[in-house]
PDB file of all heavy atoms in Angstrom:
ATOM      1  N   TYR A   1       4.711  18.223 -62.071  1.00  0.00           N
ATOM      2  CA  TYR A   1       4.521  19.475 -61.224  1.00  0.00           C
ATOM      3  C   TYR A   1       3.398  19.224 -60.236  1.00  0.00           C
ATOM      4  O   TYR A   1       2.575  18.389 -60.410  1.00  0.00           O
ATOM      5  CB  TYR A   1       4.316  20.667 -62.057  1.00  0.00           C
ATOM      6  CG  TYR A   1       3.152  20.611 -62.987  1.00  0.00           C
ATOM      7  CD1 TYR A   1       1.794  20.847 -62.584  1.00  0.00           C
ATOM      8  CD2 TYR A   1       3.429  20.379 -64.305  1.00  0.00           C
ATOM      9  CE1 TYR A   1       0.837  20.810 -63.534  1.00  0.00           C
ATOM     10  CE2 TYR A   1       2.401  20.378 -65.253  1.00  0.00           C
ATOM     11  CZ  TYR A   1       1.096  20.574 -64.792  1.00  0.00           C
ATOM     12  OH  TYR A   1       0.074  20.518 -65.741  1.00  0.00           O
ATOM     13  N   ASP A   2       3.494  19.870 -59.126  1.00  0.00           N
ATOM     14  CA  ASP A   2       2.537  19.771 -58.013  1.00  0.00           C
ATOM     15  C   ASP A   2       1.331  20.550 -58.370  1.00  0.00           C
ATOM     16  O   ASP A   2       1.309  21.745 -58.328  1.00  0.00           O
ATOM     17  CB  ASP A   2       3.252  20.311 -56.730  1.00  0.00           C
ATOM     18  CG  ASP A   2       2.377  20.066 -55.510  1.00  0.00           C
ATOM     19  OD1 ASP A   2       1.244  19.690 -55.694  1.00  0.00           O
ATOM     20  OD2 ASP A   2       2.943  20.194 -54.458  1.00  0.00           O
ATOM     21  N   ARG A   3       0.252  19.839 -58.565  1.00  0.00           N
ATOM     22  CA  ARG A   3      -1.037  20.483 -58.984  1.00  0.00           C
ATOM     23  C   ARG A   3      -1.772  21.174 -57.815  1.00  0.00           C
ATOM     24  O   ARG A   3      -2.648  21.939 -57.992  1.00  0.00           O
ATOM     25  CB  ARG A   3      -2.016  19.440 -59.605  1.00  0.00           C
ATOM     26  CG  ARG A   3      -1.393  18.825 -60.877  1.00  0.00           C
ATOM     27  CD  ARG A   3      -2.267  17.722 -61.466  1.00  0.00           C
ATOM     28  NE  ARG A   3      -1.541  16.976 -62.488  1.00  0.00           N
ATOM     29  CZ  ARG A   3      -1.572  17.420 -63.765  1.00  0.00           C
ATOM     30  NH1 ARG A   3      -2.205  18.501 -64.145  1.00  0.00           N
ATOM     31  NH2 ARG A   3      -0.974  16.760 -64.704  1.00  0.00           N
ATOM     32  N   ASP A   4      -1.266  20.885 -56.590  1.00  0.00           N
ATOM     33  CA  ASP A   4      -1.844  21.586 -55.427  1.00  0.00           C
ATOM     34  C   ASP A   4      -1.030  22.819 -55.003  1.00  0.00           C
ATOM     35  O   ASP A   4      -1.487  23.526 -54.118  1.00  0.00           O
ATOM     36  CB  ASP A   4      -1.943  20.698 -54.192  1.00  0.00           C
ATOM     37  CG  ASP A   4      -2.837  19.440 -54.431  1.00  0.00           C
ATOM     38  OD1 ASP A   4      -3.899  19.648 -55.115  1.00  0.00           O
ATOM     39  OD2 ASP A   4      -2.588  18.338 -53.935  1.00  0.00           O
ATOM     40  N   GLU A   5       0.065  23.028 -55.710  1.00  0.00           N
ATOM     41  CA  GLU A   5       0.983  24.102 -55.389  1.00  0.00           C
ATOM     42  C   GLU A   5       0.278  25.497 -55.441  1.00  0.00           C
ATOM     43  O   GLU A   5       0.398  26.295 -54.532  1.00  0.00           O
ATOM     44  CB  GLU A   5       2.198  24.155 -56.251  1.00  0.00           C
ATOM     45  CG  GLU A   5       3.178  25.179 -55.848  1.00  0.00           C
ATOM     46  CD  GLU A   5       4.403  25.046 -56.809  1.00  0.00           C
ATOM     47  OE1 GLU A   5       4.281  25.071 -58.005  1.00  0.00           O
ATOM     48  OE2 GLU A   5       5.603  24.965 -56.225  1.00  0.00           O
ATOM     49  N   PRO A   6      -0.569  25.807 -56.408  1.00  0.00           N
ATOM     50  CA  PRO A   6      -1.209  27.089 -56.458  1.00  0.00           C
ATOM     51  C   PRO A   6      -2.052  27.431 -55.251  1.00  0.00           C
ATOM     52  O   PRO A   6      -1.948  28.537 -54.682  1.00  0.00           O
ATOM     53  CB  PRO A   6      -2.018  27.012 -57.761  1.00  0.00           C
ATOM     54  CG  PRO A   6      -1.320  26.107 -58.580  1.00  0.00           C
ATOM     55  CD  PRO A   6      -0.761  25.034 -57.634  1.00  0.00           C
ATOM     56  N   GLN A   7      -2.726  26.462 -54.644  1.00  0.00           N
ATOM     57  CA  GLN A   7      -3.545  26.651 -53.473  1.00  0.00           C
ATOM     58  C   GLN A   7      -2.731  26.902 -52.378  1.00  0.00           C
ATOM     59  O   GLN A   7      -3.028  27.815 -51.467  1.00  0.00           O
ATOM     60  CB  GLN A   7      -4.460  25.385 -53.319  1.00  0.00           C
ATOM     61  CG  GLN A   7      -5.390  25.487 -52.097  1.00  0.00           C
ATOM     62  CD  GLN A   7      -6.565  26.476 -52.269  1.00  0.00           C
ATOM     63  OE1 GLN A   7      -6.980  26.613 -53.393  1.00  0.00           O
ATOM     64  NE2 GLN A   7      -6.867  27.175 -51.247  1.00  0.00           N
ATOM     65  N   ARG A   8      -1.577  26.176 -52.165  1.00  0.00           N
ATOM     66  CA  ARG A   8      -0.743  26.295 -51.035  1.00  0.00           C
ATOM     67  C   ARG A   8       0.008  27.645 -51.023  1.00  0.00           C
ATOM     68  O   ARG A   8       0.173  28.301 -50.045  1.00  0.00           O
ATOM     69  CB  ARG A   8       0.316  25.203 -50.987  1.00  0.00           C
ATOM     70  CG  ARG A   8      -0.224  23.808 -50.741  1.00  0.00           C
ATOM     71  CD  ARG A   8       0.767  22.851 -50.240  1.00  0.00           C
ATOM     72  NE  ARG A   8       2.048  22.909 -50.884  1.00  0.00           N
ATOM     73  CZ  ARG A   8       2.322  22.239 -51.979  1.00  0.00           C
ATOM     74  NH1 ARG A   8       1.454  21.521 -52.568  1.00  0.00           N
ATOM     75  NH2 ARG A   8       3.533  22.373 -52.548  1.00  0.00           N
ATOM     76  N   VAL A   9       0.384  28.183 -52.167  1.00  0.00           N
ATOM     77  CA  VAL A   9       1.009  29.461 -52.248  1.00  0.00           C
ATOM     78  C   VAL A   9       0.000  30.501 -51.895  1.00  0.00           C
ATOM     79  O   VAL A   9       0.407  31.459 -51.105  1.00  0.00           O
ATOM     80  CB  VAL A   9       1.498  29.694 -53.760  1.00  0.00           C
ATOM     81  CG1 VAL A   9       2.001  31.201 -53.931  1.00  0.00           C
ATOM     82  CG2 VAL A   9       2.757  28.770 -54.079  1.00  0.00           C
ATOM     83  N   ALA A  10      -1.210  30.420 -52.426  1.00  0.00           N
ATOM     84  CA  ALA A  10      -2.217  31.395 -52.071  1.00  0.00           C
ATOM     85  C   ALA A  10      -2.465  31.400 -50.569  1.00  0.00           C
ATOM     86  O   ALA A  10      -2.644  32.485 -50.003  1.00  0.00           O
ATOM     87  CB  ALA A  10      -3.536  31.141 -52.912  1.00  0.00           C
ATOM     88  N   GLU A  11      -2.573  30.253 -49.926  1.00  0.00           N
ATOM     89  CA  GLU A  11      -2.781  30.240 -48.505  1.00  0.00           C
ATOM     90  C   GLU A  11      -1.643  30.737 -47.691  1.00  0.00           C
ATOM     91  O   GLU A  11      -1.903  31.417 -46.673  1.00  0.00           O
ATOM     92  CB  GLU A  11      -3.116  28.758 -48.117  1.00  0.00           C
ATOM     93  CG  GLU A  11      -4.410  28.304 -48.622  1.00  0.00           C
ATOM     94  CD  GLU A  11      -4.763  26.784 -48.308  1.00  0.00           C
ATOM     95  OE1 GLU A  11      -3.871  26.147 -47.643  1.00  0.00           O
ATOM     96  OE2 GLU A  11      -5.832  26.299 -48.640  1.00  0.00           O
ATOM     97  N   ALA A  12      -0.425  30.514 -48.108  1.00  0.00           N
ATOM     98  CA  ALA A  12       0.725  30.945 -47.463  1.00  0.00           C
ATOM     99  C   ALA A  12       0.745  32.506 -47.495  1.00  0.00           C
ATOM    100  O   ALA A  12       1.027  33.154 -46.470  1.00  0.00           O
ATOM    101  CB  ALA A  12       1.955  30.333 -48.046  1.00  0.00           C
ATOM    102  N   ILE A  13       0.401  33.058 -48.623  1.00  0.00           N
ATOM    103  CA  ILE A  13       0.485  34.524 -48.763  1.00  0.00           C
ATOM    104  C   ILE A  13      -0.624  35.140 -47.884  1.00  0.00           C
ATOM    105  O   ILE A  13      -0.378  36.211 -47.197  1.00  0.00           O
ATOM    106  CB  ILE A  13       0.135  34.901 -50.276  1.00  0.00           C
ATOM    107  CG1 ILE A  13       1.439  34.552 -51.048  1.00  0.00           C
ATOM    108  CG2 ILE A  13      -0.188  36.369 -50.354  1.00  0.00           C
ATOM    109  CD1 ILE A  13       1.232  34.773 -52.562  1.00  0.00           C
ATOM    110  N   ARG A  14      -1.770  34.473 -47.728  1.00  0.00           N
ATOM    111  CA  ARG A  14      -2.834  34.955 -46.858  1.00  0.00           C
ATOM    112  C   ARG A  14      -2.342  34.932 -45.431  1.00  0.00           C
ATOM    113  O   ARG A  14      -2.559  35.919 -44.639  1.00  0.00           O
ATOM    114  CB  ARG A  14      -4.059  34.154 -47.014  1.00  0.00           C
ATOM    115  CG  ARG A  14      -5.259  34.528 -46.025  1.00  0.00           C
ATOM    116  CD  ARG A  14      -6.463  33.705 -46.333  1.00  0.00           C
ATOM    117  NE  ARG A  14      -6.232  32.202 -46.096  1.00  0.00           N
ATOM    118  CZ  ARG A  14      -6.240  31.669 -44.894  1.00  0.00           C
ATOM    119  NH1 ARG A  14      -6.501  32.353 -43.839  1.00  0.00           N
ATOM    120  NH2 ARG A  14      -5.957  30.371 -44.837  1.00  0.00           N
ATOM    121  N   LEU A  15      -1.675  33.845 -44.966  1.00  0.00           N
ATOM    122  CA  LEU A  15      -1.271  33.653 -43.588  1.00  0.00           C
ATOM    123  C   LEU A  15      -0.118  34.663 -43.245  1.00  0.00           C
ATOM    124  O   LEU A  15      -0.078  35.126 -42.140  1.00  0.00           O
ATOM    125  CB  LEU A  15      -0.814  32.303 -43.354  1.00  0.00           C
ATOM    126  CG  LEU A  15      -1.970  31.143 -43.316  1.00  0.00           C
ATOM    127  CD1 LEU A  15      -1.306  29.766 -43.248  1.00  0.00           C
ATOM    128  CD2 LEU A  15      -2.842  31.462 -42.095  1.00  0.00           C
ATOM    129  N   MET A  16       0.718  34.985 -44.245  1.00  0.00           N
ATOM    130  CA  MET A  16       1.775  35.893 -44.047  1.00  0.00           C
ATOM    131  C   MET A  16       1.197  37.389 -43.972  1.00  0.00           C
ATOM    132  O   MET A  16       1.910  38.294 -43.495  1.00  0.00           O
ATOM    133  CB  MET A  16       2.781  35.789 -45.197  1.00  0.00           C
ATOM    134  CG  MET A  16       3.635  34.538 -45.042  1.00  0.00           C
ATOM    135  SD  MET A  16       4.659  34.338 -46.509  1.00  0.00           S
ATOM    136  CE  MET A  16       5.725  35.781 -46.431  1.00  0.00           C
ATOM    137  N   GLY A  17       0.039  37.622 -44.547  1.00  0.00           N
ATOM    138  CA  GLY A  17      -0.500  38.932 -44.545  1.00  0.00           C
ATOM    139  C   GLY A  17       0.252  39.840 -45.535  1.00  0.00           C
ATOM    140  O   GLY A  17       0.413  40.998 -45.262  1.00  0.00           O
ATOM    141  N   VAL A  18       0.648  39.242 -46.622  1.00  0.00           N
ATOM    142  CA  VAL A  18       1.504  40.019 -47.654  1.00  0.00           C
ATOM    143  C   VAL A  18       0.624  40.972 -48.351  1.00  0.00           C
ATOM    144  O   VAL A  18      -0.459  40.684 -48.903  1.00  0.00           O
ATOM    145  CB  VAL A  18       2.129  38.938 -48.580  1.00  0.00           C
ATOM    146  CG1 VAL A  18       2.839  39.739 -49.729  1.00  0.00           C
ATOM    147  CG2 VAL A  18       3.058  38.010 -47.908  1.00  0.00           C
ATOM    148  N   LYS A  19       1.162  42.284 -48.414  1.00  0.00           N
ATOM    149  CA  LYS A  19       0.434  43.293 -49.149  1.00  0.00           C
ATOM    150  C   LYS A  19       0.780  43.286 -50.650  1.00  0.00           C
ATOM    151  O   LYS A  19       0.003  43.657 -51.456  1.00  0.00           O
ATOM    152  CB  LYS A  19       0.736  44.658 -48.497  1.00  0.00           C
ATOM    153  CG  LYS A  19       0.224  44.811 -47.174  1.00  0.00           C
ATOM    154  CD  LYS A  19       0.571  46.232 -46.618  1.00  0.00           C
ATOM    155  CE  LYS A  19       0.020  46.383 -45.200  1.00  0.00           C
ATOM    156  NZ  LYS A  19       0.382  47.718 -44.657  1.00  0.00           N
ATOM    157  N   HIS A  20       2.075  42.869 -50.983  1.00  0.00           N
ATOM    158  CA  HIS A  20       2.503  42.818 -52.289  1.00  0.00           C
ATOM    159  C   HIS A  20       3.236  41.550 -52.494  1.00  0.00           C
ATOM    160  O   HIS A  20       4.346  41.356 -51.916  1.00  0.00           O
ATOM    161  CB  HIS A  20       3.438  43.979 -52.668  1.00  0.00           C
ATOM    162  CG  HIS A  20       3.797  44.002 -54.059  1.00  0.00           C
ATOM    163  ND1 HIS A  20       2.968  44.201 -55.142  1.00  0.00           N
ATOM    164  CD2 HIS A  20       5.040  43.830 -54.660  1.00  0.00           C
ATOM    165  CE1 HIS A  20       3.660  44.167 -56.259  1.00  0.00           C
ATOM    166  NE2 HIS A  20       4.862  43.877 -56.012  1.00  0.00           N
ATOM    167  N   ALA A  21       2.766  40.579 -53.253  1.00  0.00           N
ATOM    168  CA  ALA A  21       3.294  39.317 -53.391  1.00  0.00           C
ATOM    169  C   ALA A  21       4.122  39.201 -54.731  1.00  0.00           C
ATOM    170  O   ALA A  21       3.773  39.824 -55.643  1.00  0.00           O
ATOM    171  CB  ALA A  21       2.213  38.259 -53.511  1.00  0.00           C
ATOM    172  N   VAL A  22       5.246  38.544 -54.639  1.00  0.00           N
ATOM    173  CA  VAL A  22       6.101  38.243 -55.828  1.00  0.00           C
ATOM    174  C   VAL A  22       6.218  36.737 -56.143  1.00  0.00           C
ATOM    175  O   VAL A  22       6.565  36.002 -55.255  1.00  0.00           O
ATOM    176  CB  VAL A  22       7.513  38.799 -55.540  1.00  0.00           C
ATOM    177  CG1 VAL A  22       8.311  38.753 -56.886  1.00  0.00           C
ATOM    178  CG2 VAL A  22       7.473  40.324 -55.205  1.00  0.00           C
ATOM    179  N   LEU A  23       5.921  36.403 -57.351  1.00  0.00           N
ATOM    180  CA  LEU A  23       6.015  35.012 -57.809  1.00  0.00           C
ATOM    181  C   LEU A  23       6.957  34.943 -58.953  1.00  0.00           C
ATOM    182  O   LEU A  23       6.958  35.742 -59.862  1.00  0.00           O
ATOM    183  CB  LEU A  23       4.624  34.513 -58.242  1.00  0.00           C
ATOM    184  CG  LEU A  23       3.459  34.648 -57.306  1.00  0.00           C
ATOM    185  CD1 LEU A  23       2.151  34.230 -58.031  1.00  0.00           C
ATOM    186  CD2 LEU A  23       3.630  33.885 -56.103  1.00  0.00           C
ATOM    187  N   THR A  24       7.696  33.853 -58.961  1.00  0.00           N
ATOM    188  CA  THR A  24       8.554  33.556 -60.088  1.00  0.00           C
ATOM    189  C   THR A  24       8.566  32.008 -60.257  1.00  0.00           C
ATOM    190  O   THR A  24       7.775  31.266 -59.616  1.00  0.00           O
ATOM    191  CB  THR A  24      10.022  34.007 -59.810  1.00  0.00           C
ATOM    192  OG1 THR A  24      10.794  33.839 -61.049  1.00  0.00           O
ATOM    193  CG2 THR A  24      10.697  33.233 -58.716  1.00  0.00           C
ATOM    194  N   SER A  25       9.287  31.494 -61.212  1.00  0.00           N
ATOM    195  CA  SER A  25       9.295  30.067 -61.500  1.00  0.00           C
ATOM    196  C   SER A  25      10.584  29.691 -62.253  1.00  0.00           C
ATOM    197  O   SER A  25      11.293  30.548 -62.735  1.00  0.00           O
ATOM    198  CB  SER A  25       8.128  29.623 -62.375  1.00  0.00           C
ATOM    199  OG  SER A  25       8.361  29.994 -63.757  1.00  0.00           O
ATOM    200  N   VAL A  26      10.840  28.390 -62.143  1.00  0.00           N
ATOM    201  CA  VAL A  26      11.884  27.957 -63.060  1.00  0.00           C
ATOM    202  C   VAL A  26      11.428  27.816 -64.476  1.00  0.00           C
ATOM    203  O   VAL A  26      10.113  27.986 -64.773  1.00  0.00           O
ATOM    204  CB  VAL A  26      12.316  26.464 -62.605  1.00  0.00           C
ATOM    205  CG1 VAL A  26      13.057  26.552 -61.246  1.00  0.00           C
ATOM    206  CG2 VAL A  26      11.053  25.579 -62.562  1.00  0.00           C
ATOM    207  N   ASN A  27      12.224  27.507 -65.452  1.00  0.00           N
ATOM    208  CA  ASN A  27      11.809  27.263 -66.789  1.00  0.00           C
ATOM    209  C   ASN A  27      11.402  25.734 -66.965  1.00  0.00           C
ATOM    210  O   ASN A  27      12.103  24.970 -66.378  1.00  0.00           O
ATOM    211  CB  ASN A  27      12.910  27.529 -67.821  1.00  0.00           C
ATOM    212  CG  ASN A  27      13.202  28.934 -68.089  1.00  0.00           C
ATOM    213  OD1 ASN A  27      12.540  29.589 -68.837  1.00  0.00           O
ATOM    214  ND2 ASN A  27      14.182  29.507 -67.301  1.00  0.00           N
ATOM    215  N   ARG A  28      10.232  25.553 -67.486  1.00  0.00           N
ATOM    216  CA  ARG A  28       9.780  24.148 -67.725  1.00  0.00           C
ATOM    217  C   ARG A  28       9.600  23.891 -69.248  1.00  0.00           C
ATOM    218  O   ARG A  28       8.442  23.669 -69.675  1.00  0.00           O
ATOM    219  CB  ARG A  28       8.470  23.960 -66.939  1.00  0.00           C
ATOM    220  CG  ARG A  28       8.604  24.071 -65.414  1.00  0.00           C
ATOM    221  CD  ARG A  28       9.565  22.934 -64.835  1.00  0.00           C
ATOM    222  NE  ARG A  28       9.202  21.660 -65.219  1.00  0.00           N
ATOM    223  CZ  ARG A  28       8.285  20.870 -64.388  1.00  0.00           C
ATOM    224  NH1 ARG A  28       7.892  21.344 -63.256  1.00  0.00           N
ATOM    225  NH2 ARG A  28       8.034  19.665 -64.759  1.00  0.00           N
ATOM    226  N   ASP A  29      10.703  23.956 -69.918  1.00  0.00           N
ATOM    227  CA  ASP A  29      10.596  23.867 -71.399  1.00  0.00           C
ATOM    228  C   ASP A  29      10.196  22.595 -71.823  1.00  0.00           C
ATOM    229  O   ASP A  29       9.746  22.481 -73.008  1.00  0.00           O
ATOM    230  CB  ASP A  29      11.976  24.128 -71.962  1.00  0.00           C
ATOM    231  CG  ASP A  29      12.510  25.521 -71.768  1.00  0.00           C
ATOM    232  OD1 ASP A  29      11.619  26.467 -71.590  1.00  0.00           O
ATOM    233  OD2 ASP A  29      13.722  25.834 -71.795  1.00  0.00           O
TER     234      ASP A  29
END
């Protein structure tokens, strides 16, 4: 998995100016 992904998601949400963010994921059993 991409260890830098959390930072990129957070930055994208900031740039989009999102007031309510929704996150989901695949299953990684």
